Amino acid sequence: MANIEEVPGVFGGVKTEDVGVVTENATNVVNNSANLPAKVGFWNKLKSVLFYEIKVELTPHQQKIEDEINDFLYQDITWTKVKDFLFQEVTFGKKKENL
């Protein structure tokens, strides 16, 4: 059985004690944190390759370009901006002056 204590300031106010997992042999009790896989499987290898953390350092010029791209991509889009873009005057070729 788990020992249950009341803890103030915690949602629910209950703290449980980690008891462990009983294996096939009832005399062996294994702690949950030590219950790790013995061999590294294919999916663990794939996840470690796909989610490998890469640290990238940019030069000041590259950082400026990246900031400008982010500002463009994450700009506020409002109905007035969309309306102005859709209903702007479009001209083909040169405008002829009336003489």
C-alpha atoms as a PDB file:
ATOM      1  CA  MET A   1       0.000   0.000   0.000  1.00  0.00           C
ATOM      2  CA  ALA A   2       1.089   3.522  -0.668  1.00  0.00           C
ATOM      3  CA  ASN A   3       1.430   5.947   2.193  1.00  0.00           C
ATOM      4  CA  ILE A   4      -0.767   8.965   1.583  1.00  0.00           C
ATOM      5  CA  GLU A   5       0.060  12.302   3.167  1.00  0.00           C
ATOM      6  CA  GLU A   6      -1.825  15.562   2.945  1.00  0.00           C
ATOM      7  CA  VAL A   7       0.296  18.333   1.424  1.00  0.00           C
ATOM      8  CA  PRO A   8      -0.863  21.956   1.685  1.00  0.00           C
ATOM      9  CA  GLY A   9      -0.667  24.127  -1.431  1.00  0.00           C
ATOM     10  CA  VAL A  10      -0.827  21.208  -3.865  1.00  0.00           C
ATOM     11  CA  PHE A  11      -3.911  20.644  -6.009  1.00  0.00           C
ATOM     12  CA  GLY A  12      -5.765  17.782  -4.367  1.00  0.00           C
ATOM     13  CA  GLY A  13      -3.459  18.026  -1.349  1.00  0.00           C
ATOM     14  CA  VAL A  14      -2.259  14.415  -1.616  1.00  0.00           C
ATOM     15  CA  LYS A  15       1.264  13.021  -1.958  1.00  0.00           C
ATOM     16  CA  THR A  16       1.827   9.340  -2.652  1.00  0.00           C
ATOM     17  CA  GLU A  17       4.964   7.397  -1.898  1.00  0.00           C
ATOM     18  CA  ASP A  18       6.640   5.521  -4.763  1.00  0.00           C
ATOM     19  CA  VAL A  19       6.160   1.842  -3.901  1.00  0.00           C
ATOM     20  CA  GLY A  20       7.673   0.141  -6.967  1.00  0.00           C
ATOM     21  CA  VAL A  21       6.656  -2.592  -9.390  1.00  0.00           C
ATOM     22  CA  VAL A  22       6.419  -6.260  -8.484  1.00  0.00           C
ATOM     23  CA  THR A  23       8.076  -8.485 -11.115  1.00  0.00           C
ATOM     24  CA  GLU A  24       7.419 -12.157 -11.904  1.00  0.00           C
ATOM     25  CA  ASN A  25       9.337 -13.180  -8.828  1.00  0.00           C
ATOM     26  CA  ALA A  26       7.243 -11.757  -5.994  1.00  0.00           C
ATOM     27  CA  THR A  27      10.287 -11.335  -3.748  1.00  0.00           C
ATOM     28  CA  ASN A  28      11.943  -8.814  -6.122  1.00  0.00           C
ATOM     29  CA  VAL A  29      10.583  -5.282  -5.925  1.00  0.00           C
ATOM     30  CA  VAL A  30      11.888  -2.924  -8.613  1.00  0.00           C
ATOM     31  CA  ASN A  31      11.808   0.868  -8.359  1.00  0.00           C
ATOM     32  CA  ASN A  32       9.889   2.613 -11.177  1.00  0.00           C
ATOM     33  CA  SER A  33      12.838   4.860 -12.080  1.00  0.00           C
ATOM     34  CA  ALA A  34      15.134   1.853 -12.528  1.00  0.00           C
ATOM     35  CA  ASN A  35      12.699   0.078 -14.877  1.00  0.00           C
ATOM     36  CA  LEU A  36      14.631   0.996 -18.043  1.00  0.00           C
ATOM     37  CA  PRO A  37      14.888  -1.030 -21.271  1.00  0.00           C
ATOM     38  CA  ALA A  38      17.862  -3.400 -21.443  1.00  0.00           C
ATOM     39  CA  LYS A  39      18.531  -2.888 -25.186  1.00  0.00           C
ATOM     40  CA  VAL A  40      18.134   0.210 -27.339  1.00  0.00           C
ATOM     41  CA  GLY A  41      15.441  -0.553 -29.907  1.00  0.00           C
ATOM     42  CA  PHE A  42      14.965   0.663 -33.465  1.00  0.00           C
ATOM     43  CA  TRP A  43      12.403   3.322 -32.529  1.00  0.00           C
ATOM     44  CA  ASN A  44      14.616   4.778 -29.819  1.00  0.00           C
ATOM     45  CA  LYS A  45      17.485   5.032 -32.316  1.00  0.00           C
ATOM     46  CA  LEU A  46      15.200   6.651 -34.906  1.00  0.00           C
ATOM     47  CA  LYS A  47      13.868   9.177 -32.382  1.00  0.00           C
ATOM     48  CA  SER A  48      17.381  10.056 -31.273  1.00  0.00           C
ATOM     49  CA  VAL A  49      18.355  10.768 -34.902  1.00  0.00           C
ATOM     50  CA  LEU A  50      15.198  12.686 -35.831  1.00  0.00           C
ATOM     51  CA  PHE A  51      15.066  14.825 -32.714  1.00  0.00           C
ATOM     52  CA  TYR A  52      18.796  15.504 -32.335  1.00  0.00           C
ATOM     53  CA  GLU A  53      19.245  19.058 -31.067  1.00  0.00           C
ATOM     54  CA  ILE A  54      21.284  21.272 -33.388  1.00  0.00           C
ATOM     55  CA  LYS A  55      22.720  24.558 -32.186  1.00  0.00           C
ATOM     56  CA  VAL A  56      23.038  27.182 -34.928  1.00  0.00           C
ATOM     57  CA  GLU A  57      24.919  30.442 -34.492  1.00  0.00           C
ATOM     58  CA  LEU A  58      24.233  33.220 -36.991  1.00  0.00           C
ATOM     59  CA  THR A  59      26.371  36.153 -38.006  1.00  0.00           C
ATOM     60  CA  PRO A  60      24.862  39.604 -37.331  1.00  0.00           C
ATOM     61  CA  HIS A  61      23.918  39.970 -41.016  1.00  0.00           C
ATOM     62  CA  GLN A  62      22.240  36.539 -41.076  1.00  0.00           C
ATOM     63  CA  GLN A  63      20.409  37.381 -37.843  1.00  0.00           C
ATOM     64  CA  LYS A  64      19.142  40.639 -39.398  1.00  0.00           C
ATOM     65  CA  ILE A  65      17.833  38.756 -42.463  1.00  0.00           C
ATOM     66  CA  GLU A  66      16.197  36.121 -40.254  1.00  0.00           C
ATOM     67  CA  ASP A  67      14.520  38.822 -38.154  1.00  0.00           C
ATOM     68  CA  GLU A  68      13.163  40.520 -41.300  1.00  0.00           C
ATOM     69  CA  ILE A  69      11.798  37.202 -42.596  1.00  0.00           C
ATOM     70  CA  ASN A  70      10.149  36.469 -39.230  1.00  0.00           C
ATOM     71  CA  ASP A  71       8.616  39.956 -39.149  1.00  0.00           C
ATOM     72  CA  PHE A  72       7.202  39.394 -42.643  1.00  0.00           C
ATOM     73  CA  LEU A  73       5.851  35.915 -41.895  1.00  0.00           C
ATOM     74  CA  TYR A  74       4.292  36.818 -38.544  1.00  0.00           C
ATOM     75  CA  GLN A  75       2.841  40.220 -39.411  1.00  0.00           C
ATOM     76  CA  ASP A  76      -0.705  41.040 -38.407  1.00  0.00           C
ATOM     77  CA  ILE A  77      -3.213  40.408 -41.176  1.00  0.00           C
ATOM     78  CA  THR A  78      -6.357  42.508 -40.976  1.00  0.00           C
ATOM     79  CA  TRP A  79      -9.381  42.759 -43.222  1.00  0.00           C
ATOM     80  CA  THR A  80      -8.414  46.285 -44.309  1.00  0.00           C
ATOM     81  CA  LYS A  81      -4.991  45.058 -45.500  1.00  0.00           C
ATOM     82  CA  VAL A  82      -6.615  42.187 -47.416  1.00  0.00           C
ATOM     83  CA  LYS A  83      -9.239  44.505 -48.936  1.00  0.00           C
ATOM     84  CA  ASP A  84      -6.605  47.052 -49.972  1.00  0.00           C
ATOM     85  CA  PHE A  85      -4.547  44.308 -51.622  1.00  0.00           C
ATOM     86  CA  LEU A  86      -7.486  42.750 -53.474  1.00  0.00           C
ATOM     87  CA  PHE A  87      -8.983  46.011 -54.695  1.00  0.00           C
ATOM     88  CA  GLN A  88      -5.818  47.870 -55.652  1.00  0.00           C
ATOM     89  CA  GLU A  89      -5.590  49.523 -59.042  1.00  0.00           C
ATOM     90  CA  VAL A  90      -3.880  47.305 -61.592  1.00  0.00           C
ATOM     91  CA  THR A  91      -2.334  48.820 -64.709  1.00  0.00           C
ATOM     92  CA  PHE A  92      -0.874  47.027 -67.702  1.00  0.00           C
ATOM     93  CA  GLY A  93       1.856  48.821 -69.638  1.00  0.00           C
ATOM     94  CA  LYS A  94       2.325  52.581 -69.612  1.00  0.00           C
ATOM     95  CA  LYS A  95      -0.460  55.025 -68.919  1.00  0.00           C
ATOM     96  CA  LYS A  96      -1.151  57.291 -71.877  1.00  0.00           C
ATOM     97  CA  GLU A  97      -1.640  60.931 -71.134  1.00  0.00           C
ATOM     98  CA  ASN A  98      -4.664  62.581 -72.681  1.00  0.00           C
ATOM     99  CA  LEU A  99      -3.574  65.465 -74.903  1.00  0.00           C
END
